């Protein structure tokens, strides 16, 4: 069955009005009629907006050796989010050892403070 890019191209026409080439980096631009937008991924395969399935040999920008949506990674990420381990503060699990310096284990006021942007 031939590949169609109808939904991808419609998305491109909207996206190109908001950002150059309709994508966040030129690495993702494959031409006006050929640029795809990924809807989902599992393992080494990605699915675009038109439900075309591709083997992603690039695997993102880095060595994603487990592929997309690996259940082990998703579960670890969910645990980290529930425990606030993905905040800017060092979580208890990452304080290394019982001998870790107490100064790293105390809550810091800057962890929860809002970002302040100076006015010009």
C-alpha atoms as a PDB file:
ATOM      1  CA  UNK A   1       0.000   0.000   0.000  1.00  0.00           C
ATOM      2  CA  UNK A   2       1.473   3.396  -0.923  1.00  0.00           C
ATOM      3  CA  UNK A   3       2.327   5.835   1.822  1.00  0.00           C
ATOM      4  CA  UNK A   4       0.114   8.906   2.159  1.00  0.00           C
ATOM      5  CA  UNK A   5       1.145  12.099   3.906  1.00  0.00           C
ATOM      6  CA  UNK A   6      -2.135  14.039   3.782  1.00  0.00           C
ATOM      7  CA  UNK A   7      -2.388  14.743   7.540  1.00  0.00           C
ATOM      8  CA  UNK A   8       1.351  15.335   7.836  1.00  0.00           C
ATOM      9  CA  UNK A   9       1.272  17.888   5.006  1.00  0.00           C
ATOM     10  CA  UNK A  10      -1.755  19.675   6.485  1.00  0.00           C
ATOM     11  CA  UNK A  11       0.096  19.856   9.801  1.00  0.00           C
ATOM     12  CA  UNK A  12       3.188  21.155   8.001  1.00  0.00           C
ATOM     13  CA  UNK A  13       1.187  23.981   6.402  1.00  0.00           C
ATOM     14  CA  UNK A  14       0.013  25.080   9.866  1.00  0.00           C
ATOM     15  CA  UNK A  15       3.408  24.576  11.540  1.00  0.00           C
ATOM     16  CA  UNK A  16       5.388  26.507   8.926  1.00  0.00           C
ATOM     17  CA  UNK A  17       3.368  29.603   9.835  1.00  0.00           C
ATOM     18  CA  UNK A  18       4.714  29.384  13.397  1.00  0.00           C
ATOM     19  CA  UNK A  19       8.323  28.263  12.976  1.00  0.00           C
ATOM     20  CA  UNK A  20      10.899  28.099  10.188  1.00  0.00           C
ATOM     21  CA  UNK A  21      10.536  24.945   8.090  1.00  0.00           C
ATOM     22  CA  UNK A  22       7.614  23.885  10.327  1.00  0.00           C
ATOM     23  CA  UNK A  23       9.877  21.914  12.675  1.00  0.00           C
ATOM     24  CA  UNK A  24      12.091  22.603  15.684  1.00  0.00           C
ATOM     25  CA  UNK A  25      15.335  21.753  13.845  1.00  0.00           C
ATOM     26  CA  UNK A  26      16.453  21.335  10.248  1.00  0.00           C
ATOM     27  CA  UNK A  27      17.271  17.705  11.115  1.00  0.00           C
ATOM     28  CA  UNK A  28      13.491  17.067  11.133  1.00  0.00           C
ATOM     29  CA  UNK A  29      12.720  18.857   7.856  1.00  0.00           C
ATOM     30  CA  UNK A  30      12.494  16.430   4.962  1.00  0.00           C
ATOM     31  CA  UNK A  31      10.965  18.808   2.393  1.00  0.00           C
ATOM     32  CA  UNK A  32       7.620  20.537   2.087  1.00  0.00           C
ATOM     33  CA  UNK A  33       5.839  17.459   0.764  1.00  0.00           C
ATOM     34  CA  UNK A  34       7.747  14.850   2.811  1.00  0.00           C
ATOM     35  CA  UNK A  35       8.149  16.153   6.385  1.00  0.00           C
ATOM     36  CA  UNK A  36       6.469  13.824   8.861  1.00  0.00           C
ATOM     37  CA  UNK A  37       5.204  14.426  12.380  1.00  0.00           C
ATOM     38  CA  UNK A  38       5.368  11.573  14.859  1.00  0.00           C
ATOM     39  CA  UNK A  39       2.164  10.622  16.643  1.00  0.00           C
ATOM     40  CA  UNK A  40       3.520   7.713  18.679  1.00  0.00           C
ATOM     41  CA  UNK A  41       6.431   5.357  19.103  1.00  0.00           C
ATOM     42  CA  UNK A  42       7.062   1.915  20.550  1.00  0.00           C
ATOM     43  CA  UNK A  43      10.342   0.052  20.470  1.00  0.00           C
ATOM     44  CA  UNK A  44      12.230   1.061  17.334  1.00  0.00           C
ATOM     45  CA  UNK A  45       9.107   2.026  15.391  1.00  0.00           C
ATOM     46  CA  UNK A  46       7.369   5.384  15.093  1.00  0.00           C
ATOM     47  CA  UNK A  47       3.945   6.159  13.633  1.00  0.00           C
ATOM     48  CA  UNK A  48       3.214   9.426  11.855  1.00  0.00           C
ATOM     49  CA  UNK A  49      -0.032  11.415  11.694  1.00  0.00           C
ATOM     50  CA  UNK A  50      -1.180   9.379   8.666  1.00  0.00           C
ATOM     51  CA  UNK A  51      -0.553   6.072  10.497  1.00  0.00           C
ATOM     52  CA  UNK A  52       2.503   5.214   8.403  1.00  0.00           C
ATOM     53  CA  UNK A  53       4.933   3.119  10.446  1.00  0.00           C
ATOM     54  CA  UNK A  54       8.696   3.599  10.184  1.00  0.00           C
ATOM     55  CA  UNK A  55      11.728   1.943  11.723  1.00  0.00           C
ATOM     56  CA  UNK A  56      13.540   4.818  13.441  1.00  0.00           C
ATOM     57  CA  UNK A  57      17.200   4.149  12.755  1.00  0.00           C
ATOM     58  CA  UNK A  58      18.072   7.547  14.242  1.00  0.00           C
ATOM     59  CA  UNK A  59      16.416   6.739  17.596  1.00  0.00           C
ATOM     60  CA  UNK A  60      16.148  10.370  18.541  1.00  0.00           C
ATOM     61  CA  UNK A  61      19.391  12.291  18.901  1.00  0.00           C
ATOM     62  CA  UNK A  62      21.115   9.891  21.276  1.00  0.00           C
ATOM     63  CA  UNK A  63      21.530   6.212  22.014  1.00  0.00           C
ATOM     64  CA  UNK A  64      17.966   5.240  22.882  1.00  0.00           C
ATOM     65  CA  UNK A  65      18.936   1.577  23.152  1.00  0.00           C
ATOM     66  CA  UNK A  66      15.631   0.527  24.695  1.00  0.00           C
ATOM     67  CA  UNK A  67      13.516   2.238  22.056  1.00  0.00           C
ATOM     68  CA  UNK A  68      10.374   4.253  22.604  1.00  0.00           C
ATOM     69  CA  UNK A  69       7.825   3.586  25.340  1.00  0.00           C
ATOM     70  CA  UNK A  70       9.761   0.819  27.065  1.00  0.00           C
ATOM     71  CA  UNK A  71       7.553  -0.223  30.004  1.00  0.00           C
ATOM     72  CA  UNK A  72      10.540  -0.436  32.381  1.00  0.00           C
ATOM     73  CA  UNK A  73      11.555   3.146  31.619  1.00  0.00           C
ATOM     74  CA  UNK A  74       7.953   4.386  31.791  1.00  0.00           C
ATOM     75  CA  UNK A  75       7.460   2.765  35.206  1.00  0.00           C
ATOM     76  CA  UNK A  76      10.723   4.231  36.535  1.00  0.00           C
ATOM     77  CA  UNK A  77       9.744   7.668  35.219  1.00  0.00           C
ATOM     78  CA  UNK A  78       6.317   7.415  36.856  1.00  0.00           C
ATOM     79  CA  UNK A  79       7.917   6.448  40.181  1.00  0.00           C
ATOM     80  CA  UNK A  80      10.343   9.366  39.898  1.00  0.00           C
ATOM     81  CA  UNK A  81       7.521  11.826  39.205  1.00  0.00           C
ATOM     82  CA  UNK A  82       5.485  10.569  42.166  1.00  0.00           C
ATOM     83  CA  UNK A  83       8.478  10.992  44.468  1.00  0.00           C
ATOM     84  CA  UNK A  84       9.442  14.425  43.100  1.00  0.00           C
ATOM     85  CA  UNK A  85      12.763  12.957  41.937  1.00  0.00           C
ATOM     86  CA  UNK A  86      12.498  14.972  38.741  1.00  0.00           C
ATOM     87  CA  UNK A  87      12.556  18.291  40.569  1.00  0.00           C
ATOM     88  CA  UNK A  88      15.644  20.532  40.698  1.00  0.00           C
ATOM     89  CA  UNK A  89      16.324  19.461  44.291  1.00  0.00           C
ATOM     90  CA  UNK A  90      18.429  16.349  44.875  1.00  0.00           C
ATOM     91  CA  UNK A  91      15.984  13.576  45.841  1.00  0.00           C
ATOM     92  CA  UNK A  92      16.666  11.200  48.705  1.00  0.00           C
ATOM     93  CA  UNK A  93      17.379   8.363  46.291  1.00  0.00           C
ATOM     94  CA  UNK A  94      20.232  10.377  44.777  1.00  0.00           C
ATOM     95  CA  UNK A  95      21.938  11.513  47.981  1.00  0.00           C
ATOM     96  CA  UNK A  96      24.244   8.558  47.402  1.00  0.00           C
ATOM     97  CA  UNK A  97      25.054   7.149  50.820  1.00  0.00           C
ATOM     98  CA  UNK A  98      24.165   7.390  54.502  1.00  0.00           C
ATOM     99  CA  UNK A  99      27.389   9.387  54.839  1.00  0.00           C
ATOM    100  CA  UNK A 100      26.207  12.085  52.433  1.00  0.00           C
ATOM    101  CA  UNK A 101      26.757  15.605  53.639  1.00  0.00           C
ATOM    102  CA  UNK A 102      23.731  16.906  55.567  1.00  0.00           C
ATOM    103  CA  UNK A 103      23.873  20.137  53.583  1.00  0.00           C
ATOM    104  CA  UNK A 104      22.703  18.217  50.485  1.00  0.00           C
ATOM    105  CA  UNK A 105      19.862  16.556  52.370  1.00  0.00           C
ATOM    106  CA  UNK A 106      18.224  19.729  53.755  1.00  0.00           C
ATOM    107  CA  UNK A 107      15.453  21.341  51.730  1.00  0.00           C
ATOM    108  CA  UNK A 108      16.610  24.489  49.984  1.00  0.00           C
ATOM    109  CA  UNK A 109      14.485  27.581  49.674  1.00  0.00           C
ATOM    110  CA  UNK A 110      15.593  28.051  46.060  1.00  0.00           C
ATOM    111  CA  UNK A 111      14.147  24.676  45.050  1.00  0.00           C
ATOM    112  CA  UNK A 112      10.584  25.905  45.134  1.00  0.00           C
ATOM    113  CA  UNK A 113      11.138  29.588  44.479  1.00  0.00           C
ATOM    114  CA  UNK A 114       9.754  31.068  41.267  1.00  0.00           C
ATOM    115  CA  UNK A 115      12.126  32.135  38.544  1.00  0.00           C
ATOM    116  CA  UNK A 116      12.632  35.870  38.515  1.00  0.00           C
ATOM    117  CA  UNK A 117      13.318  37.586  35.222  1.00  0.00           C
ATOM    118  CA  UNK A 118      14.837  41.077  35.482  1.00  0.00           C
ATOM    119  CA  UNK A 119      12.930  43.847  33.767  1.00  0.00           C
ATOM    120  CA  UNK A 120      14.755  46.017  31.279  1.00  0.00           C
END
